[in-house]
Amino acid sequence: MLVKELFPVAQIRVPVKRAKTLDAAKVQQIAESMLEEGQTTPIRERKSKDGYVLIEGLHRLEALKALGEEMVEGYLVRAVLH
């Protein structure tokens, strides 16, 4: 069962492939929504050696950065071994 936790934004690394999908207009729209409603959907990340790696929620994370937030609500998930 996943449990919501708070994570430091500065410790979450975005993989290069995922960062290439960033849409600035979508970030702006989400940031405006967050100003009114707060963060309604947690992001997902996995633990890495030096922090966390983003799995899901790039636009939410970038919107929080744009708003100057230092913490993000998210779920810590385990990496799936193949």
N, C-alpha and C. Protein backbone atom coordinates (compact mmCIF):
# COMPACT_ATOMS: atom_id res chain seq x y z
N MET A 1 0.83 -1.19 0.00
CA MET A 1 0.00 0.00 0.00
C MET A 1 0.88 1.25 0.00
N LEU A 2 0.57 2.16 -0.88
CA LEU A 2 1.35 3.40 -0.97
C LEU A 2 0.87 4.41 0.06
N VAL A 3 1.84 5.08 0.67
CA VAL A 3 1.54 6.08 1.69
C VAL A 3 2.11 7.42 1.22
N LYS A 4 1.29 8.47 1.27
CA LYS A 4 1.75 9.80 0.88
C LYS A 4 2.79 10.29 1.87
N GLU A 5 3.86 10.86 1.33
CA GLU A 5 4.92 11.45 2.14
C GLU A 5 5.31 12.79 1.52
N LEU A 6 6.06 13.58 2.28
CA LEU A 6 6.62 14.82 1.75
C LEU A 6 8.08 14.59 1.39
N PHE A 7 8.48 15.09 0.22
CA PHE A 7 9.85 14.93 -0.26
C PHE A 7 10.42 16.29 -0.65
N PRO A 8 11.72 16.51 -0.40
CA PRO A 8 12.34 17.77 -0.80
C PRO A 8 12.47 17.85 -2.33
N VAL A 9 11.94 18.90 -2.90
CA VAL A 9 11.96 19.09 -4.35
C VAL A 9 13.40 19.03 -4.87
N ALA A 10 14.33 19.61 -4.15
CA ALA A 10 15.72 19.69 -4.60
C ALA A 10 16.39 18.33 -4.70
N GLN A 11 15.84 17.31 -4.06
CA GLN A 11 16.46 15.99 -4.08
C GLN A 11 15.85 15.05 -5.12
N ILE A 12 14.94 15.56 -5.95
CA ILE A 12 14.29 14.73 -6.96
C ILE A 12 14.91 15.02 -8.32
N ARG A 13 15.50 13.99 -8.91
CA ARG A 13 16.14 14.11 -10.22
C ARG A 13 15.16 13.67 -11.30
N VAL A 14 15.12 14.42 -12.38
CA VAL A 14 14.24 14.10 -13.51
C VAL A 14 15.10 13.47 -14.61
N PRO A 15 14.78 12.23 -15.02
CA PRO A 15 15.54 11.61 -16.11
C PRO A 15 15.46 12.45 -17.39
N VAL A 16 16.53 12.46 -18.16
CA VAL A 16 16.64 13.29 -19.37
C VAL A 16 15.50 12.98 -20.35
N LYS A 17 15.19 11.72 -20.57
CA LYS A 17 14.11 11.35 -21.49
C LYS A 17 12.79 11.95 -21.07
N ARG A 18 12.53 11.93 -19.79
CA ARG A 18 11.26 12.46 -19.27
C ARG A 18 11.26 13.99 -19.37
N ALA A 19 12.38 14.62 -19.10
CA ALA A 19 12.47 16.09 -19.15
C ALA A 19 12.19 16.63 -20.55
N LYS A 20 12.48 15.84 -21.57
CA LYS A 20 12.25 16.27 -22.95
C LYS A 20 10.77 16.39 -23.28
N THR A 21 9.90 15.82 -22.46
CA THR A 21 8.45 15.86 -22.71
C THR A 21 7.78 17.05 -22.03
N LEU A 22 8.57 17.92 -21.42
CA LEU A 22 8.01 19.04 -20.66
C LEU A 22 7.27 20.03 -21.56
N ASP A 23 6.07 20.40 -21.15
CA ASP A 23 5.23 21.36 -21.87
C ASP A 23 5.01 22.56 -20.94
N ALA A 24 5.65 23.70 -21.26
CA ALA A 24 5.60 24.88 -20.39
C ALA A 24 4.17 25.38 -20.16
N ALA A 25 3.32 25.29 -21.17
CA ALA A 25 1.94 25.75 -21.02
C ALA A 25 1.19 24.87 -20.01
N LYS A 26 1.46 23.59 -20.05
CA LYS A 26 0.82 22.67 -19.10
C LYS A 26 1.30 22.94 -17.67
N VAL A 27 2.59 23.24 -17.53
CA VAL A 27 3.15 23.57 -16.21
C VAL A 27 2.45 24.81 -15.66
N GLN A 28 2.28 25.83 -16.51
CA GLN A 28 1.61 27.07 -16.10
C GLN A 28 0.18 26.80 -15.65
N GLN A 29 -0.53 25.99 -16.41
CA GLN A 29 -1.92 25.65 -16.09
C GLN A 29 -2.01 24.91 -14.76
N ILE A 30 -1.13 23.97 -14.54
CA ILE A 30 -1.13 23.21 -13.29
C ILE A 30 -0.75 24.12 -12.12
N ALA A 31 0.22 25.01 -12.31
CA ALA A 31 0.63 25.93 -11.26
C ALA A 31 -0.54 26.82 -10.83
N GLU A 32 -1.30 27.31 -11.80
CA GLU A 32 -2.46 28.14 -11.49
C GLU A 32 -3.50 27.34 -10.70
N SER A 33 -3.70 26.10 -11.09
CA SER A 33 -4.64 25.23 -10.37
C SER A 33 -4.17 24.97 -8.94
N MET A 34 -2.86 24.78 -8.79
CA MET A 34 -2.29 24.52 -7.46
C MET A 34 -2.43 25.73 -6.54
N LEU A 35 -2.39 26.93 -7.10
CA LEU A 35 -2.58 28.12 -6.30
C LEU A 35 -3.97 28.15 -5.67
N GLU A 36 -4.94 27.65 -6.41
CA GLU A 36 -6.32 27.64 -5.93
C GLU A 36 -6.65 26.43 -5.07
N GLU A 37 -6.19 25.25 -5.49
CA GLU A 37 -6.60 24.01 -4.84
C GLU A 37 -5.49 23.28 -4.09
N GLY A 38 -4.25 23.68 -4.28
CA GLY A 38 -3.13 22.95 -3.71
C GLY A 38 -2.80 21.75 -4.58
N GLN A 39 -1.85 20.96 -4.14
CA GLN A 39 -1.47 19.76 -4.89
C GLN A 39 -2.48 18.67 -4.59
N THR A 40 -3.23 18.26 -5.60
CA THR A 40 -4.28 17.26 -5.38
C THR A 40 -3.84 15.84 -5.72
N THR A 41 -2.83 15.71 -6.60
CA THR A 41 -2.36 14.39 -7.00
C THR A 41 -0.88 14.26 -6.67
N PRO A 42 -0.50 13.28 -5.85
CA PRO A 42 0.91 13.10 -5.51
C PRO A 42 1.73 12.62 -6.72
N ILE A 43 3.01 12.94 -6.71
CA ILE A 43 3.92 12.42 -7.73
C ILE A 43 4.40 11.04 -7.25
N ARG A 44 5.17 10.36 -8.10
CA ARG A 44 5.76 9.07 -7.72
C ARG A 44 7.25 9.14 -8.01
N GLU A 45 8.04 8.64 -7.08
CA GLU A 45 9.48 8.60 -7.26
C GLU A 45 10.04 7.35 -6.61
N ARG A 46 11.27 7.04 -7.01
CA ARG A 46 11.96 5.90 -6.39
C ARG A 46 13.25 6.41 -5.77
N LYS A 47 13.74 5.69 -4.80
CA LYS A 47 14.97 6.05 -4.09
C LYS A 47 16.16 5.82 -5.01
N SER A 48 17.13 6.71 -4.95
CA SER A 48 18.40 6.53 -5.65
C SER A 48 19.52 6.73 -4.64
N LYS A 49 20.76 6.61 -5.09
CA LYS A 49 21.89 6.75 -4.17
C LYS A 49 21.94 8.12 -3.51
N ASP A 50 21.61 9.16 -4.28
CA ASP A 50 21.76 10.53 -3.78
C ASP A 50 20.44 11.29 -3.68
N GLY A 51 19.34 10.60 -3.56
CA GLY A 51 18.05 11.26 -3.44
C GLY A 51 16.94 10.41 -4.02
N TYR A 52 16.22 10.99 -5.00
CA TYR A 52 15.08 10.30 -5.61
C TYR A 52 15.08 10.53 -7.11
N VAL A 53 14.46 9.61 -7.84
CA VAL A 53 14.30 9.73 -9.28
C VAL A 53 12.81 9.78 -9.58
N LEU A 54 12.40 10.78 -10.33
CA LEU A 54 10.99 10.94 -10.68
C LEU A 54 10.54 9.81 -11.59
N ILE A 55 9.38 9.25 -11.28
CA ILE A 55 8.78 8.22 -12.12
C ILE A 55 7.55 8.79 -12.82
N GLU A 56 6.73 9.53 -12.08
CA GLU A 56 5.50 10.08 -12.64
C GLU A 56 5.19 11.43 -11.97
N GLY A 57 4.82 12.42 -12.79
CA GLY A 57 4.42 13.72 -12.23
C GLY A 57 5.34 14.87 -12.60
N LEU A 58 5.95 14.80 -13.77
CA LEU A 58 6.88 15.84 -14.20
C LEU A 58 6.25 17.24 -14.17
N HIS A 59 5.08 17.40 -14.74
CA HIS A 59 4.46 18.71 -14.81
C HIS A 59 4.04 19.22 -13.43
N ARG A 60 3.60 18.32 -12.56
CA ARG A 60 3.26 18.72 -11.20
C ARG A 60 4.51 19.17 -10.45
N LEU A 61 5.60 18.43 -10.61
CA LEU A 61 6.86 18.79 -9.96
C LEU A 61 7.36 20.15 -10.45
N GLU A 62 7.34 20.35 -11.76
CA GLU A 62 7.81 21.62 -12.33
C GLU A 62 6.90 22.78 -11.93
N ALA A 63 5.61 22.53 -11.80
CA ALA A 63 4.68 23.58 -11.34
C ALA A 63 5.01 23.99 -9.91
N LEU A 64 5.30 23.03 -9.07
CA LEU A 64 5.67 23.33 -7.68
C LEU A 64 6.98 24.11 -7.62
N LYS A 65 7.93 23.75 -8.48
CA LYS A 65 9.20 24.50 -8.55
C LYS A 65 8.93 25.94 -8.96
N ALA A 66 8.06 26.12 -9.96
CA ALA A 66 7.74 27.46 -10.44
C ALA A 66 7.08 28.30 -9.35
N LEU A 67 6.35 27.64 -8.46
CA LEU A 67 5.69 28.35 -7.35
C LEU A 67 6.62 28.56 -6.16
N GLY A 68 7.85 28.05 -6.25
CA GLY A 68 8.82 28.23 -5.18
C GLY A 68 8.66 27.28 -4.01
N GLU A 69 7.93 26.20 -4.22
CA GLU A 69 7.73 25.22 -3.14
C GLU A 69 9.00 24.40 -2.92
N GLU A 70 9.27 24.05 -1.68
CA GLU A 70 10.45 23.27 -1.35
C GLU A 70 10.13 21.80 -1.11
N MET A 71 8.85 21.50 -0.85
CA MET A 71 8.44 20.12 -0.59
C MET A 71 7.33 19.73 -1.56
N VAL A 72 7.28 18.43 -1.88
CA VAL A 72 6.26 17.91 -2.78
C VAL A 72 5.68 16.65 -2.14
N GLU A 73 4.38 16.49 -2.29
CA GLU A 73 3.71 15.31 -1.78
C GLU A 73 3.85 14.21 -2.83
N GLY A 74 4.24 13.02 -2.37
CA GLY A 74 4.43 11.93 -3.33
C GLY A 74 4.40 10.57 -2.70
N TYR A 75 4.51 9.58 -3.57
CA TYR A 75 4.58 8.18 -3.17
C TYR A 75 5.97 7.66 -3.52
N LEU A 76 6.58 6.98 -2.58
CA LEU A 76 7.85 6.31 -2.82
C LEU A 76 7.53 4.91 -3.28
N VAL A 77 7.97 4.57 -4.49
CA VAL A 77 7.70 3.24 -5.04
C VAL A 77 9.02 2.50 -5.21
N ARG A 78 8.93 1.20 -5.20
CA ARG A 78 10.13 0.39 -5.39
C ARG A 78 10.38 0.18 -6.86
N ALA A 79 11.64 0.12 -7.23
CA ALA A 79 12.00 -0.17 -8.62
C ALA A 79 11.66 -1.63 -8.89
N VAL A 80 11.14 -1.89 -10.06
CA VAL A 80 10.79 -3.25 -10.45
C VAL A 80 12.02 -3.89 -11.09
N LEU A 81 12.42 -5.04 -10.57
CA LEU A 81 13.56 -5.76 -11.13
C LEU A 81 13.05 -6.75 -12.17
N HIS A 82 13.69 -6.76 -13.33
CA HIS A 82 13.27 -7.66 -14.42
C HIS A 82 14.11 -8.89 -14.44
